[in-house]
Protein backbone atom coordinates (compact mmCIF):
# COMPACT_ATOMS: atom_id res chain seq x y z
CA MET A 1 81.17 96.99 129.29
CA GLY A 2 82.65 97.75 132.45
CA VAL A 3 84.11 95.15 134.69
CA ALA A 4 84.27 94.85 138.31
CA ILE A 5 86.75 92.69 139.76
CA LEU A 6 86.11 91.46 143.80
CA ASN A 7 89.11 90.38 145.61
CA ARG A 8 91.12 89.01 142.72
CA LYS A 9 89.66 85.91 142.29
CA THR A 10 88.44 83.83 139.36
CA CYS A 11 85.32 85.93 137.32
CA ALA A 12 84.05 84.99 134.27
CA ALA A 13 80.53 85.24 131.88
CA HIS A 14 79.02 82.72 129.66
CA TYR A 15 75.96 82.58 127.74
CA THR A 16 73.51 79.73 128.23
CA GLY A 17 72.01 77.85 125.37
CA SER A 18 68.99 79.91 125.10
CA GLY A 19 71.19 83.06 124.47
CA GLU A 20 71.29 84.69 127.91
CA ARG A 21 74.05 85.59 129.49
CA THR A 22 75.08 84.26 133.20
CA MET A 23 77.64 85.58 135.27
CA THR A 24 79.39 84.38 138.18
CA SER A 25 78.75 85.75 141.83
CA LEU A 26 82.09 87.38 142.06
CA VAL A 27 81.30 89.66 138.60
CA ALA A 28 79.28 92.35 138.03
CA TYR A 29 78.54 93.59 134.81
CA ASP A 30 77.49 97.04 133.64
CA ASP A 31 74.61 97.85 130.98
CA SER A 32 77.11 100.32 129.16
CA ASP A 33 78.91 100.12 125.58
CA GLN A 34 81.56 101.52 127.32
CA GLU A 35 84.97 99.37 125.88
CA ASP A 36 87.36 100.77 128.26
CA ASP A 37 88.31 98.11 130.54
CA ASP A 38 91.23 100.48 131.82
CA GLY A 39 89.37 100.07 135.34
CA ALA A 40 90.30 96.55 135.82
CA LEU A 41 94.12 97.37 136.13
CA PRO A 42 94.82 100.37 137.50
CA HIS A 43 98.43 98.85 138.29
CA LEU A 44 99.12 99.13 134.50
CA ALA A 45 98.11 102.63 134.48
CA ASN A 46 101.65 104.13 134.29
CA CYS A 47 103.01 101.26 131.88
CA PRO A 48 103.87 102.64 128.27
CA MET A 49 102.22 100.19 125.67
CA ASP A 50 105.46 99.90 123.75
CA ASP A 51 106.75 97.99 127.00
CA ILE A 52 103.63 95.85 126.38
CA GLY A 53 103.33 94.08 123.25
CA GLN A 54 102.88 95.03 120.07
CA SER A 55 99.68 96.27 118.40
CA GLN A 56 97.51 95.25 115.56
CA GLY A 57 95.29 97.34 113.63
CA ASN A 58 92.90 99.38 116.41
CA GLN A 59 93.54 96.12 118.73
CA LYS A 60 96.29 95.41 121.03
CA TRP A 61 96.50 91.77 122.55
CA LEU A 62 96.14 93.05 125.94
CA ASP A 63 92.96 93.82 125.03
CA SER A 64 92.11 90.12 125.18
CA ASN A 65 94.89 88.18 126.65
CA PHE A 66 95.57 90.08 130.10
CA TYR A 67 93.03 88.68 131.74
CA GLY A 68 94.68 85.52 131.67
CA PRO A 69 96.64 86.36 134.92
CA LEU A 70 93.84 86.85 136.97
CA LEU A 71 92.61 83.63 136.78
CA PRO A 72 94.97 81.09 138.89
CA SER A 73 96.42 78.04 137.21
CA PRO A 74 99.07 76.07 137.18
CA HIS A 75 99.98 75.52 133.45
CA TYR A 76 99.83 79.63 133.39
CA LYS A 77 103.22 80.88 132.98
CA PRO A 78 103.65 84.36 132.06
CA LEU A 79 106.57 85.80 129.78
CA GLU A 80 108.62 89.09 130.69
CA ILE A 81 108.69 91.41 128.24
CA GLY A 82 109.05 94.55 130.31
CA GLN A 83 108.61 97.23 133.28
CA CYS A 84 106.43 99.88 134.78
CA GLY A 85 107.86 102.67 135.91
CA ASP A 86 107.14 101.43 139.31
CA GLY A 87 109.01 98.61 139.22
CA ARG A 88 106.51 95.86 138.62
CA THR A 89 107.31 93.35 135.72
CA VAL A 90 104.95 93.22 132.74
CA SER A 91 103.99 89.74 131.61
CA GLU A 92 102.67 88.99 128.77
CA PRO A 93 100.29 85.64 128.21
CA HIS A 94 101.07 82.92 126.07
CA ARG A 95 100.55 83.17 122.25
CA GLU A 96 100.35 80.77 119.46
CA ILE A 97 103.07 81.17 117.12
CA TYR A 98 103.05 79.70 113.37
CA PRO A 99 106.09 79.82 111.06
CA LEU A 100 106.47 82.03 108.44
CA PRO A 101 105.10 81.07 104.91
CA LEU A 102 108.15 80.09 102.37
CA GLY A 103 109.96 82.81 100.62
CA LEU A 104 109.03 85.67 103.07
CA SER A 105 111.76 85.11 105.19
CA GLY A 106 113.93 86.82 102.20
CA ILE A 107 112.17 89.92 102.49
CA VAL A 108 114.78 92.68 102.55
CA GLU A 109 114.13 96.45 102.73
CA ASN A 110 117.57 98.11 102.12
CA SER A 111 116.70 101.66 103.58
CA SER A 112 118.33 103.18 106.62
CA ASN A 113 115.19 105.13 107.52
CA SER A 114 113.17 102.02 107.33
CA LYS A 115 112.56 99.58 109.81
CA PRO A 116 113.33 95.76 110.44
CA TYR A 117 111.12 93.56 109.37
CA SER A 118 108.55 92.52 111.92
CA THR A 119 107.63 88.84 112.37
CA PRO A 120 104.43 90.00 114.52
CA GLN A 121 102.61 90.84 111.29
CA TYR A 122 103.05 87.47 109.78
CA CYS A 123 104.30 85.16 112.64
CA VAL A 124 101.37 85.81 115.72
CA ASN A 125 98.25 85.07 115.21
CA LEU A 126 96.97 88.30 117.00
CA THR A 127 93.23 87.40 116.64
CA THR A 128 93.19 83.90 117.57
CA ALA A 129 95.59 83.78 120.58
CA LYS A 130 94.55 81.32 123.72
CA ARG A 131 95.07 81.64 127.00
CA LEU A 132 96.77 78.46 128.51
CA GLN A 133 94.71 78.25 131.76
CA ALA A 134 91.87 76.29 133.90
CA ALA A 135 88.19 77.62 133.66
CA PRO A 136 85.55 76.56 135.64
CA PRO A 137 83.54 73.83 133.61
CA GLY A 138 80.73 75.38 131.58
CA VAL A 139 82.12 78.65 131.94
CA SER A 140 83.55 81.03 129.11
CA PRO A 141 86.01 83.83 129.88
CA TYR A 142 84.54 87.31 128.84
CA ILE A 143 85.68 88.64 125.92
CA PRO A 144 85.38 92.51 124.99
CA LYS A 145 82.58 93.62 122.42
CA ARG A 146 85.24 95.27 120.30
CA GLN A 147 87.04 91.96 120.09
CA ARG A 148 84.02 89.80 119.57
CA LEU A 149 82.80 92.30 116.64
CA ALA A 150 86.49 92.64 114.75
CA THR A 151 86.20 90.09 111.77
CA PRO A 152 89.94 88.82 111.37
CA GLY A 153 91.40 90.35 107.99
CA LYS A 154 92.56 87.39 105.80
CA ARG A 155 95.70 87.82 103.53
CA GLU A 156 94.71 87.79 100.46
CA GLU A 157 96.01 85.47 97.87
CA PRO A 158 96.40 85.86 94.13
CA THR A 159 93.37 84.78 91.98
CA SER A 160 92.42 84.75 88.62
CA LEU A 161 89.54 86.75 86.66
CA GLU A 162 87.47 84.02 86.29
CA THR A 163 86.17 81.33 88.42
CA ASN A 164 88.88 78.70 87.22
CA ASP A 165 89.08 75.05 88.35
CA LYS A 166 92.60 74.46 90.39
CA SER A 167 93.41 71.36 88.11
CA THR A 168 92.94 73.50 84.85
CA VAL A 169 94.91 76.52 85.73
CA SER A 170 97.40 74.70 87.44
CA ARG A 171 97.69 72.54 83.66
CA LEU A 172 98.11 75.08 82.00
CA LEU A 173 100.94 77.13 83.97
CA THR A 174 102.64 73.47 83.62
CA GLU A 175 102.11 71.66 80.48
CA VAL A 176 102.75 72.31 76.85
CA SER A 177 100.23 74.05 74.71
CA GLU A 178 98.56 71.80 72.30
CA ARG A 179 98.95 74.47 69.70
CA VAL A 180 102.37 75.45 70.70
CA ARG A 181 103.34 71.30 70.60
CA PRO A 182 103.60 71.07 66.69
CA TYR A 183 106.60 73.95 66.57
CA LEU A 184 108.81 72.52 69.38
CA GLY A 185 111.66 71.39 66.76
CA PRO A 186 115.56 72.05 66.76
CA LYS A 187 114.71 75.45 64.92
CA PRO A 188 112.06 77.83 65.10
CA GLY A 189 110.67 79.05 61.67
CA ARG A 190 111.09 82.20 59.95
CA ALA A 191 109.39 84.90 61.46
CA VAL A 192 106.10 85.87 59.73
CA VAL A 193 104.22 89.35 59.85
CA PRO A 194 100.54 88.72 61.54
CA ARG A 195 97.78 90.17 59.44
CA ARG A 196 94.65 89.33 61.53
CA MET A 197 93.84 89.70 65.17
CA GLN A 198 93.08 86.20 67.18
CA LEU A 199 91.89 87.74 70.38
CA SER A 200 91.38 91.19 72.17
CA LEU A 201 91.14 91.68 75.83
CA GLN A 202 90.56 94.05 78.41
CA ALA A 203 93.25 92.76 80.25
CA HIS A 204 93.42 96.17 82.65
CA GLN A 205 92.07 98.92 84.41
CA ALA A 206 95.56 101.40 83.33
CA PRO A 207 97.78 101.56 81.28
CA ILE A 208 99.72 98.09 80.59
CA ASN A 209 103.38 98.82 80.47
CA MET A 210 105.06 95.77 79.61
CA ILE A 211 103.91 92.35 77.79
CA GLN A 212 106.33 89.24 77.23
CA TRP A 213 106.04 85.95 76.10
CA CYS A 214 107.85 82.88 78.34
CA PRO A 215 110.82 82.02 76.83
CA VAL A 216 111.10 78.63 77.52
CA PRO A 217 109.78 77.01 74.46
CA GLN A 218 107.24 74.40 76.17
CA LEU A 219 105.59 77.01 78.47
CA SER A 220 105.37 79.81 75.57
CA HIS A 221 101.69 79.83 75.25
CA LEU A 222 101.56 81.93 78.85
CA LEU A 223 101.56 85.81 78.54
CA LEU A 224 103.09 88.20 80.94
CA SER A 225 101.20 91.39 81.54
CA ALA A 226 101.69 94.31 83.94
CA SER A 227 100.07 97.16 84.70
CA MET A 228 99.92 100.95 86.08
CA ASP A 229 96.22 98.74 88.05
CA LYS A 230 99.32 97.70 90.18
CA THR A 231 98.60 94.14 89.02
CA VAL A 232 100.76 91.57 87.12
CA LYS A 233 98.74 88.85 85.09
CA ILE A 234 99.22 85.66 83.01
CA TRP A 235 97.17 84.52 80.11
CA ASP A 236 96.73 81.63 77.82
CA GLY A 237 97.85 83.57 75.11
CA ALA A 238 98.20 81.02 72.72
CA GLU A 239 94.38 79.44 73.08
CA SER A 240 91.87 80.39 74.72
CA GLY A 241 92.71 84.16 75.90
CA GLN A 242 91.95 82.98 79.86
CA CYS A 243 93.64 84.75 82.94
CA LEU A 244 95.23 82.23 84.69
CA GLN A 245 97.31 84.20 87.74
CA VAL A 246 96.87 87.49 89.35
CA TYR A 247 99.22 89.04 91.37
CA SER A 248 98.50 91.82 93.07
CA SER A 249 101.77 91.65 95.65
CA HIS A 250 102.86 95.40 94.85
CA SER A 251 101.07 98.62 96.22
CA GLY A 252 102.06 101.12 93.64
CA ALA A 253 102.02 100.98 89.76
CA VAL A 254 104.38 97.51 88.31
CA ARG A 255 106.30 99.73 85.78
CA ASP A 256 108.24 96.46 84.80
CA ALA A 257 108.51 92.57 84.59
CA CYS A 258 110.01 89.52 83.22
CA TRP A 259 110.24 85.90 82.88
CA SER A 260 112.65 84.08 84.60
CA PRO A 261 114.69 82.13 82.35
CA CYS A 262 113.37 78.92 83.70
CA GLY A 263 109.86 79.95 83.11
CA ARG A 264 108.55 79.19 87.09
CA ARG A 265 109.36 82.88 88.22
CA LEU A 266 108.40 86.32 87.58
CA LEU A 267 110.15 89.46 88.19
CA THR A 268 108.34 92.46 88.90
CA GLY A 269 109.40 96.34 89.29
CA SER A 270 106.83 98.62 90.74
CA PHE A 271 106.72 102.28 91.82
CA ASP A 272 106.37 101.30 95.68
CA ASN A 273 109.61 100.88 95.43
CA THR A 274 110.12 97.43 95.63
CA ALA A 275 111.27 94.53 93.57
CA MET A 276 109.47 91.02 93.73
CA VAL A 277 110.58 87.27 92.90
CA THR A 278 107.49 85.47 92.76
CA ASP A 279 106.54 82.14 92.01
CA VAL A 280 104.41 81.49 88.79
CA GLU A 281 102.32 78.52 89.24
CA THR A 282 101.34 79.03 93.35
CA GLY A 283 101.42 82.80 93.27
CA GLN A 284 103.85 82.64 96.22
CA GLN A 285 106.22 85.72 97.18
CA ILE A 286 109.79 84.06 97.05
CA VAL A 287 111.64 87.19 97.35
CA LYS A 288 111.14 91.04 98.23
CA VAL A 289 113.61 93.38 97.71
CA GLY A 290 113.15 97.31 99.02
CA ASN A 291 115.10 99.78 97.14
CA GLN A 292 115.23 103.80 97.93
CA PHE A 293 113.35 104.76 94.89
CA LYS A 294 110.69 103.99 92.09
CA VAL A 295 111.60 101.12 89.92
CA MET A 296 111.44 101.79 86.49
CA CYS A 297 113.21 99.01 84.74
CA LEU A 298 114.60 95.52 85.89
CA ALA A 299 117.17 93.05 84.06
CA VAL A 300 117.96 89.35 84.88
CA GLN A 301 121.84 88.44 84.58
CA PRO A 302 122.34 85.89 82.25
CA ASP A 303 125.33 83.69 83.38
CA ASP A 304 123.49 83.94 87.12
CA PRO A 305 119.42 84.20 87.00
CA GLU A 306 119.62 84.50 90.73
CA VAL A 307 121.23 88.09 90.29
CA PHE A 308 119.30 91.11 88.91
CA LEU A 309 119.59 94.68 88.09
CA CYS A 310 117.04 97.62 89.48
CA GLY A 311 117.41 101.24 88.05
CA GLY A 312 114.91 103.73 88.13
CA TYR A 313 114.27 107.28 89.72
CA SER A 314 117.99 107.51 91.45
CA THR A 315 121.71 107.83 90.56
CA GLU A 316 122.28 104.07 91.07
CA VAL A 317 121.81 100.96 89.57
CA LYS A 318 121.56 97.82 92.38
CA ALA A 319 122.70 94.30 91.60
CA TRP A 320 120.75 92.23 93.89
CA ASP A 321 121.36 88.59 94.73
CA ALA A 322 117.88 87.01 95.23
CA ARG A 323 119.63 83.90 97.06
CA THR A 324 120.89 86.48 100.00
CA CYS A 325 118.55 89.33 99.18
CA LYS A 326 121.30 91.63 99.53
CA VAL A 327 123.04 94.23 97.32
CA GLU A 328 126.00 92.54 95.50
CA ARG A 329 126.88 95.91 93.39
CA VAL A 330 126.05 99.69 92.92
CA TYR A 331 126.82 101.05 89.84
CA ARG A 332 126.45 105.28 90.12
CA ALA A 333 126.43 108.13 87.26
CA ARG A 334 125.68 111.66 87.46
CA ILE A 335 122.02 111.26 85.98
CA GLN A 336 118.57 111.61 87.87
CA GLN A 337 116.88 108.20 86.44
CA THR A 338 117.36 105.47 84.46
CA LEU A 339 115.08 104.78 82.26
CA ALA A 340 116.25 101.00 81.08
CA ILE A 341 118.81 97.91 81.39
CA LEU A 342 119.56 95.58 78.55
CA PHE A 343 122.51 92.92 79.26
CA LEU A 344 124.74 92.25 76.34
CA THR A 345 126.02 89.00 74.98
CA GLY A 346 127.42 86.86 77.77
CA GLY A 347 126.32 89.09 80.79
CA ARG A 348 129.58 90.32 81.21
CA GLU A 349 128.49 94.14 80.38
CA PHE A 350 125.31 95.69 79.80
CA VAL A 351 124.00 99.44 78.50
CA THR A 352 121.42 101.49 80.57
CA SER A 353 119.63 104.14 79.24
CA SER A 354 119.09 107.68 81.42
CA ASP A 355 117.23 110.91 81.05
CA SER A 356 120.29 112.85 80.72
CA VAL A 357 120.40 115.06 78.09
CA SER A 358 121.39 118.46 77.80
CA ARG A 359 120.96 121.30 74.76
CA ASP A 360 124.60 120.34 73.53
CA SER A 361 125.53 117.50 74.46
CA ALA A 362 124.34 113.64 74.92
CA GLU A 363 126.82 112.17 77.10
CA ARG A 364 125.51 109.63 79.38
CA THR A 365 122.77 108.88 77.51
CA LEU A 366 123.61 105.51 77.29
CA ILE A 367 126.23 104.27 79.41
CA ALA A 368 127.90 100.78 78.78
CA TRP A 369 128.88 99.10 82.07
CA ASP A 370 131.01 96.64 82.95
CA PHE A 371 129.08 94.14 85.30
CA GLN A 372 131.64 92.69 87.24
CA THR A 373 134.12 95.75 88.25
CA THR A 374 131.22 98.50 88.27
CA ALA A 375 133.22 100.50 86.15
CA LYS A 376 131.69 102.91 82.66
CA VAL A 377 133.13 101.05 79.69
CA SER A 378 131.88 104.20 77.93
CA ASN A 379 129.14 106.78 77.93
CA GLN A 380 129.62 108.41 74.85
CA ILE A 381 127.71 105.74 72.40
CA TYR A 382 124.55 108.55 71.41
CA HIS A 383 125.42 111.12 70.32
CA GLU A 384 121.69 112.77 69.26
CA ARG A 385 119.77 114.69 72.17
CA TYR A 386 117.22 112.04 72.49
CA THR A 387 116.33 110.18 75.17
CA CYS A 388 116.01 106.24 74.74
CA PRO A 389 113.34 104.64 76.17
CA SER A 390 113.56 101.31 75.78
CA LEU A 391 116.50 98.68 74.53
CA ALA A 392 116.35 95.11 72.61
CA LEU A 393 119.38 93.11 72.21
CA HIS A 394 119.54 91.31 68.72
CA PRO A 395 119.15 87.69 69.34
CA GLN A 396 121.65 86.17 66.23
CA GLN A 397 123.88 89.30 65.83
CA ASP A 398 126.28 91.03 68.30
CA SER A 399 124.14 94.35 68.10
CA PHE A 400 121.43 96.07 69.90
CA VAL A 401 118.48 98.99 69.17
CA ALA A 402 117.63 102.08 71.08
CA GLN A 403 114.07 103.57 71.05
CA SER A 404 114.73 107.45 70.32
CA ASN A 405 112.23 110.18 71.57
CA GLY A 406 112.94 111.51 68.33
CA ASN A 407 110.88 109.10 66.31
CA TYR A 408 113.15 106.36 65.36
CA MET A 409 115.28 103.44 66.21
CA ALA A 410 119.00 103.21 66.12
CA LEU A 411 121.28 100.64 65.67
CA PHE A 412 124.32 99.96 67.64
CA SER A 413 127.51 97.38 68.04
CA ALA A 414 127.19 95.09 71.05
CA GLN A 415 131.19 94.76 70.96
CA ARG A 416 133.20 97.99 72.04
CA PRO A 417 133.14 101.12 71.50
CA TYR A 418 129.30 100.18 70.73
CA ARG A 419 129.34 101.92 67.26
CA MET A 420 126.07 103.59 66.19
CA ASN A 421 125.35 102.67 62.38
CA LYS A 422 124.27 105.51 60.69
CA ARG A 423 123.40 104.42 57.41
CA ARG A 424 120.64 101.93 59.50
CA ARG A 425 117.74 103.59 60.86
CA TYR A 426 114.22 102.36 61.51
CA GLU A 427 112.08 105.34 61.15
CA GLY A 428 107.90 105.61 60.22
CA HIS A 429 106.45 104.96 63.78
CA LYS A 430 105.92 107.69 66.69
CA VAL A 431 107.30 107.71 70.49
CA GLU A 432 106.36 111.19 71.24
CA GLY A 433 107.17 110.67 75.08
CA TYR A 434 105.38 107.42 75.36
CA ALA A 435 108.01 104.65 76.80
CA VAL A 436 107.36 102.65 73.69
CA ARG A 437 108.91 99.08 73.45
CA CYS A 438 110.12 97.18 70.90
CA GLY A 439 111.53 93.64 69.92
CA PHE A 440 113.07 91.12 67.83
CA SER A 441 111.69 88.29 65.91
CA PRO A 442 113.14 84.80 67.44
CA ASP A 443 115.36 84.74 63.96
CA GLY A 444 116.49 88.38 63.93
CA SER A 445 115.17 88.95 60.86
CA ILE A 446 111.75 91.30 62.34
CA LEU A 447 111.98 94.32 64.38
CA ALA A 448 108.99 95.18 65.47
CA THR A 449 107.69 98.30 67.88
CA GLY A 450 104.46 100.13 69.16
CA SER A 451 103.67 103.56 68.51
CA SER A 452 102.12 106.76 70.19
CA THR A 453 99.72 106.68 67.15
CA GLY A 454 98.07 102.84 68.12
CA SER A 455 99.92 101.23 65.42
CA VAL A 456 102.16 98.72 65.29
CA HIS A 457 105.31 98.52 62.82
CA PHE A 458 107.60 95.72 61.07
CA TYR A 459 110.59 96.53 59.89
CA ASP A 460 113.13 94.22 57.84
CA GLN A 461 116.09 94.09 60.17
CA GLN A 462 118.56 94.54 57.46
CA SER A 463 117.19 97.03 54.97
CA ALA A 464 115.42 98.98 57.74
CA ARG A 465 112.62 99.17 55.38
CA THR A 466 108.92 98.93 56.85
CA LEU A 467 107.07 95.34 55.94
CA HIS A 468 103.78 96.14 57.55
CA THR A 469 102.01 98.13 59.67
CA LEU A 470 98.67 97.12 62.05
CA LEU A 471 96.22 99.80 63.16
CA ALA A 472 96.31 97.98 66.46
CA HIS A 473 94.98 99.79 69.04
CA GLN A 474 93.04 103.20 69.57
CA GLN A 475 95.57 104.48 72.40
CA ALA A 476 99.21 104.40 72.24
CA CYS A 477 100.38 100.83 71.96
CA MET A 478 102.75 100.78 74.79
CA CYS A 479 105.01 97.47 73.68
CA VAL A 480 105.03 94.17 71.24
CA SER A 481 106.18 91.03 72.06
CA LEU A 482 106.82 88.36 68.74
CA HIS A 483 106.15 85.23 70.16
CA PRO A 484 109.44 82.42 70.39
CA VAL A 485 107.74 79.68 68.82
CA LEU A 486 104.89 80.32 66.75
CA PRO A 487 106.11 82.29 63.85
CA ALA A 488 103.24 84.68 63.09
CA VAL A 489 101.82 85.04 66.32
CA VAL A 490 102.58 89.24 68.57
CA ALA A 491 101.13 89.91 71.38
CA THR A 492 100.53 93.94 71.92
CA CYS A 493 98.85 96.44 74.41
CA ASP A 494 98.12 99.80 74.82
CA TRP A 495 97.75 102.67 77.06
CA GLY A 496 94.03 101.90 77.76
CA GLY A 497 94.77 98.45 79.49
CA GLU A 498 93.95 96.40 76.16
CA LEU A 499 95.98 93.50 75.38
CA ARG A 500 95.38 91.91 71.88
CA ILE A 501 97.06 89.06 70.22
CA TRP A 502 98.11 89.01 66.19
CA GLN A 503 98.50 86.03 63.65
């Protein structure tokens, strides 16, 4: 709708109570659908938009706010932000500035090619900006049709799958489950192999990569799941099977996720090249760090939970400090990608698994690192020509296991020189290229793993014999998580997005 401005005096249009539009004698409106108002501002024809202001979607603040200076007002104070080619100063009307949401100030993009964090995206309300000007009584300023029809976008907040009472969800996220309470003793009971299915849920619309019970005993009814459908979810896995929280902060598949030791935060890594720390109860993003590679695996430093490692499609593993959002250390190796990261007892050393396998050597398949110095302690740990998609630390002994694509799990010492126990091998399941995860029971007596056939296998840790096999899923079983408190409860997930609880 074109606008003709006469003598640069105050002009506006408004709507009467009957819905008819009226206008002052100083303004003439065309009955046209043309939305280009450049004719009203001839002195800006040669001024680049970068000098005028930021854009938001298909709208620029100029569309709704630049008419303000044409209305004389003692309250209007322009802000100088640039000049046109002819030397005239371009002014920006006052805009309302809102504080950053908690946690967003910690966002860091660690890339030389990435642009610095842009505050207008979160701080400036471009769709509701108001002009500080005095308008005649009963006269409303003209608003372009494009802006009137535009619907302000709302930032998506994490929501649950079902409409739940907020107080109920908050209680389930913060209070002890009645089923778990009787088992909160000084010493966990001996682990028992589950025999029957308790719950079956179609939890995600894509493969589930990771599930994990909350490590805090009082909150151990909470179950975390991370999927290729770009979401992370929290479930009441001990009782109702209710979805308590959904986090959709990532724009790519979530490849790995884990709880913080306090049970109040989640660490997630995604194919969108980012790792995030999220508050469990509020869903508020606390920290977001940008890597230059797709994140495949994560690990929290045991001695300092504010420090975590990120590995993925890169020759590097990065150690991030969540307090400063900076890379503290970088661990480099001649590999293409890191498949898994495992801190050993004490956190002074850690082991990484890579895709580095040649025809006649398995050098660098498993690498032990010194956390403080970033030096390689050993890269001659595993001598067989198979990659290891997952690692698991024994909770009571100085040992760990590596899931091998040779369709077995190998046992290693967690002390230098990290010798492999060649007399103890856990085999009977299939891996076949899937990133099948394994894990120990809290007392370390049982080792469980998924299988590409969909079954779950339970092994005796001492003898390596098979204790029981569950026909759990129709598709590949990707992960198994044994409950840290309940002695006979196990969670499993598969490539089809199905989540099941066994007892």
